[in-house]
Amino acid sequence: MKQPLIAALFFALVSCSGPAPTKTETKKEPPKPAEPAGAQKAFFQMYGSARTWAPDVSGFIMQSITTPGMPAKEGKYAAWRGEFVSLGVRGTRTFTYSAVNEDGLSKGISKGGDNSYTGPRGQNSEWPVQALKIDSDAAYRTAMTKGKGEEYSKKHPEIPVTMVLEKTKRHTNPVYRVIWGASANSSSFSVYVDASSGEYLETTH
């Protein structure tokens, strides 16, 4: 009588316990590809690092950087180089924000050199961080439509578009200068857009 009872208990335990749980594997999401950055993202990334140098930093000048592997995309670029002013330190410090490890650039924030600063340098002067309210892609669209940049690009598709963020005596607020050419000195066509209001200001050529 004992053997049938033991067998019955065994089958009862097996049926209650059920199959052993299987391990579920969580799939890792592939890393997102790097994308070009707008001026606001780059500026405030660099600003965080600049504040560790001097708490009173202001904006001074920023310029877009392109790389062979990441072309510019409607006001967004592979990297930006920015120079910040501290009136307390009486100097400037340069930083670079890059979305890529390419063409001598290191992904993230890199520190550059320092210079003395006792006031406006040529036409350029410092501007408050809070004044940067418009991103570079919005300024680019304004330059293309209201500044006749689209028309100029159709005539000169081979000319790259560079962007500079600066404050000069020419305008009240910091401005984006959207430049057709590698630099302001080599350009024969530029559009100015207010970086605080997004307003189209003027086209020079």
Protein backbone atom coordinates (compact mmCIF):
# COMPACT_ATOMS: atom_id res chain seq x y z
CA MET A 1 0.00 0.00 0.00
CA LYS A 2 2.92 2.34 0.64
CA GLN A 3 4.22 2.37 -2.97
CA PRO A 4 0.96 3.63 -4.60
CA LEU A 5 0.67 6.32 -1.88
CA ILE A 6 4.25 7.51 -2.46
CA ALA A 7 3.70 7.60 -6.23
CA ALA A 8 0.52 9.65 -5.81
CA LEU A 9 2.28 12.15 -3.56
CA PHE A 10 5.14 12.47 -6.08
CA PHE A 11 2.84 13.26 -9.01
CA ALA A 12 0.90 15.73 -6.88
CA LEU A 13 4.08 17.63 -6.00
CA VAL A 14 5.22 17.71 -9.64
CA SER A 15 1.87 19.05 -10.85
CA CYS A 16 1.80 21.77 -8.16
CA SER A 17 5.34 22.99 -8.73
CA GLY A 18 4.88 23.45 -12.50
CA PRO A 19 7.68 24.11 -14.97
CA ALA A 20 10.81 25.92 -13.83
CA PRO A 21 10.68 29.68 -14.57
CA THR A 22 12.68 30.75 -17.58
CA LYS A 23 15.03 33.73 -17.46
CA THR A 24 13.95 36.72 -19.53
CA GLU A 25 16.75 38.50 -21.30
CA THR A 26 16.47 42.29 -21.56
CA LYS A 27 17.66 43.57 -24.89
CA LYS A 28 19.99 46.55 -24.74
CA GLU A 29 19.01 49.49 -26.88
CA PRO A 30 21.67 50.27 -29.48
CA PRO A 31 23.38 53.62 -28.85
CA LYS A 32 21.81 56.50 -30.71
CA PRO A 33 23.93 57.89 -33.53
CA ALA A 34 25.53 61.26 -32.91
CA GLU A 35 23.64 64.23 -34.26
CA PRO A 36 24.68 67.83 -34.98
CA ALA A 37 23.89 70.28 -32.18
CA GLY A 38 22.21 73.65 -32.08
CA ALA A 39 23.92 76.67 -30.54
CA GLN A 40 21.78 76.72 -27.38
CA LYS A 41 22.65 73.15 -26.40
CA ALA A 42 26.35 73.74 -27.08
CA PHE A 43 26.40 77.10 -25.30
CA PHE A 44 24.79 75.92 -22.07
CA GLN A 45 26.94 72.77 -21.99
CA MET A 46 30.02 74.99 -22.21
CA TYR A 47 28.54 77.53 -19.80
CA GLY A 48 28.35 74.87 -17.08
CA SER A 49 32.08 74.27 -17.44
CA ALA A 50 32.83 77.99 -17.70
CA ARG A 51 31.13 78.65 -14.36
CA THR A 52 33.63 76.39 -12.62
CA TRP A 53 36.30 78.80 -13.88
CA ALA A 54 34.43 81.99 -12.89
CA PRO A 55 30.89 82.31 -11.53
CA ASP A 56 30.22 85.63 -13.28
CA VAL A 57 30.81 84.45 -16.86
CA SER A 58 29.02 86.10 -19.75
CA GLY A 59 28.80 85.12 -23.39
CA PHE A 60 31.26 86.64 -25.82
CA ILE A 61 31.46 84.84 -29.17
CA MET A 62 30.56 81.42 -30.55
CA GLN A 63 31.27 79.91 -33.94
CA SER A 64 30.07 76.74 -35.63
CA ILE A 65 32.46 73.98 -36.67
CA THR A 66 31.84 71.37 -39.37
CA THR A 67 33.59 68.02 -39.84
CA PRO A 68 33.86 65.76 -42.90
CA GLY A 69 31.81 63.04 -41.22
CA MET A 70 29.00 65.26 -39.94
CA PRO A 71 27.84 67.97 -42.31
CA ALA A 72 25.87 70.96 -41.07
CA LYS A 73 22.12 70.48 -40.93
CA GLU A 74 19.97 73.62 -41.09
CA GLY A 75 21.70 75.57 -38.35
CA LYS A 76 23.06 72.59 -36.42
CA TYR A 77 26.71 71.57 -36.48
CA ALA A 78 29.12 68.86 -35.38
CA ALA A 79 30.75 71.27 -32.92
CA TRP A 80 30.80 74.83 -31.60
CA ARG A 81 33.64 76.86 -30.15
CA GLY A 82 32.69 79.47 -27.55
CA GLU A 83 34.60 82.18 -25.74
CA PHE A 84 33.31 83.36 -22.36
CA VAL A 85 34.10 86.56 -20.44
CA SER A 86 34.64 87.08 -16.72
CA LEU A 87 34.85 90.69 -15.64
CA GLY A 88 35.92 89.53 -12.17
CA VAL A 89 38.88 87.58 -13.54
CA ARG A 90 39.37 90.22 -16.24
CA GLY A 91 39.79 87.53 -18.83
CA THR A 92 38.22 85.17 -21.34
CA ARG A 93 38.33 81.41 -21.62
CA THR A 94 37.55 79.30 -24.67
CA PHE A 95 35.66 76.00 -24.66
CA THR A 96 34.60 73.61 -27.41
CA TYR A 97 31.49 71.44 -27.47
CA SER A 98 31.62 68.53 -29.91
CA ALA A 99 29.10 65.82 -30.76
CA VAL A 100 31.83 63.65 -32.33
CA ASN A 101 35.35 62.35 -31.95
CA GLU A 102 36.58 63.50 -35.30
CA ASP A 103 38.92 65.86 -37.12
CA GLY A 104 40.90 66.72 -33.97
CA LEU A 105 37.75 67.18 -31.85
CA SER A 106 36.92 65.23 -28.70
CA LYS A 107 33.30 64.42 -27.94
CA GLY A 108 31.94 66.53 -25.07
CA ILE A 109 33.47 69.68 -23.59
CA SER A 110 37.10 70.64 -24.12
CA LYS A 111 38.88 73.58 -22.54
CA GLY A 112 40.87 75.97 -24.68
CA GLY A 113 43.08 78.94 -23.96
CA ASP A 114 42.72 82.07 -21.81
CA ASN A 115 43.09 85.71 -22.74
CA SER A 116 42.98 88.99 -20.84
CA TYR A 117 39.85 91.14 -21.11
CA THR A 118 39.44 94.72 -20.00
CA GLY A 119 36.50 95.72 -22.19
CA PRO A 120 35.11 95.37 -25.71
CA ARG A 121 37.50 93.78 -28.16
CA GLY A 122 37.16 95.63 -31.44
CA GLN A 123 33.45 95.59 -32.25
CA ASN A 124 32.71 92.65 -29.92
CA SER A 125 31.53 92.91 -26.31
CA GLU A 126 30.17 90.54 -23.66
CA TRP A 127 26.46 89.78 -23.35
CA PRO A 128 24.30 88.25 -20.57
CA VAL A 129 23.59 84.54 -20.74
CA GLN A 130 19.84 85.18 -20.39
CA ALA A 131 19.87 87.01 -23.73
CA LEU A 132 20.27 83.77 -25.70
CA LYS A 133 16.61 82.82 -26.21
CA ILE A 134 16.60 81.69 -29.85
CA ASP A 135 18.35 78.56 -31.11
CA SER A 136 20.52 78.48 -34.20
CA ASP A 137 18.17 76.31 -36.27
CA ALA A 138 15.37 78.88 -35.85
CA ALA A 139 17.79 81.68 -36.78
CA TYR A 140 18.87 79.69 -39.83
CA ARG A 141 15.28 79.30 -41.02
CA THR A 142 14.69 83.03 -40.59
CA ALA A 143 17.86 83.82 -42.54
CA MET A 144 16.80 81.51 -45.35
CA THR A 145 13.28 82.90 -45.68
CA LYS A 146 13.32 86.55 -44.60
CA GLY A 147 16.99 87.23 -45.32
CA LYS A 148 16.85 85.76 -48.85
CA GLY A 149 19.40 83.12 -47.90
CA GLU A 150 17.47 80.42 -49.72
CA GLU A 151 17.64 82.41 -52.94
CA TYR A 152 21.38 82.96 -52.51
CA SER A 153 22.01 79.27 -51.73
CA LYS A 154 20.27 78.20 -54.94
CA LYS A 155 22.62 80.43 -56.90
CA HIS A 156 25.70 79.28 -54.92
CA PRO A 157 25.07 75.71 -53.69
CA GLU A 158 28.80 75.09 -53.31
CA ILE A 159 29.22 77.73 -50.56
CA PRO A 160 28.99 76.35 -46.98
CA VAL A 161 26.97 78.17 -44.33
CA THR A 162 28.77 79.15 -41.11
CA MET A 163 27.15 80.70 -38.03
CA VAL A 164 28.58 83.13 -35.51
CA LEU A 165 26.87 84.26 -32.30
CA GLU A 166 28.15 87.65 -31.10
CA LYS A 167 27.29 91.07 -29.72
CA THR A 168 28.56 94.15 -31.53
CA LYS A 169 27.88 97.88 -31.45
CA ARG A 170 25.79 97.40 -34.55
CA HIS A 171 22.88 95.74 -32.72
CA THR A 172 21.27 96.00 -29.28
CA ASN A 173 21.14 92.25 -28.51
CA PRO A 174 23.47 89.38 -29.35
CA VAL A 175 22.87 88.22 -32.90
CA TYR A 176 23.38 85.20 -35.09
CA ARG A 177 25.37 86.12 -38.13
CA VAL A 178 24.54 83.50 -40.75
CA ILE A 179 27.49 83.56 -43.13
CA TRP A 180 27.76 82.10 -46.61
CA GLY A 181 31.43 81.16 -46.54
CA ALA A 182 34.02 79.68 -44.20
CA SER A 183 34.42 82.92 -42.24
CA ALA A 184 33.11 86.47 -42.00
CA ASN A 185 36.24 87.80 -43.74
CA SER A 186 35.77 85.56 -46.76
CA SER A 187 32.00 86.01 -47.03
CA SER A 188 30.16 88.24 -49.46
CA PHE A 189 26.69 87.46 -48.09
CA SER A 190 25.52 87.46 -44.45
CA VAL A 191 22.17 87.59 -42.67
CA TYR A 192 21.74 88.92 -39.12
CA VAL A 193 19.08 87.49 -36.80
CA ASP A 194 18.39 88.71 -33.25
CA ALA A 195 19.31 85.93 -30.78
CA SER A 196 16.88 87.25 -28.16
CA SER A 197 13.75 87.84 -30.24
CA GLY A 198 14.38 85.80 -33.39
CA GLU A 199 13.70 88.90 -35.47
CA TYR A 200 15.32 89.29 -38.89
CA LEU A 201 17.61 92.33 -38.77
CA GLU A 202 19.47 92.80 -42.02
CA THR A 203 21.25 91.22 -44.97
CA THR A 204 24.69 92.41 -46.04
CA HIS A 205 26.44 91.62 -49.33
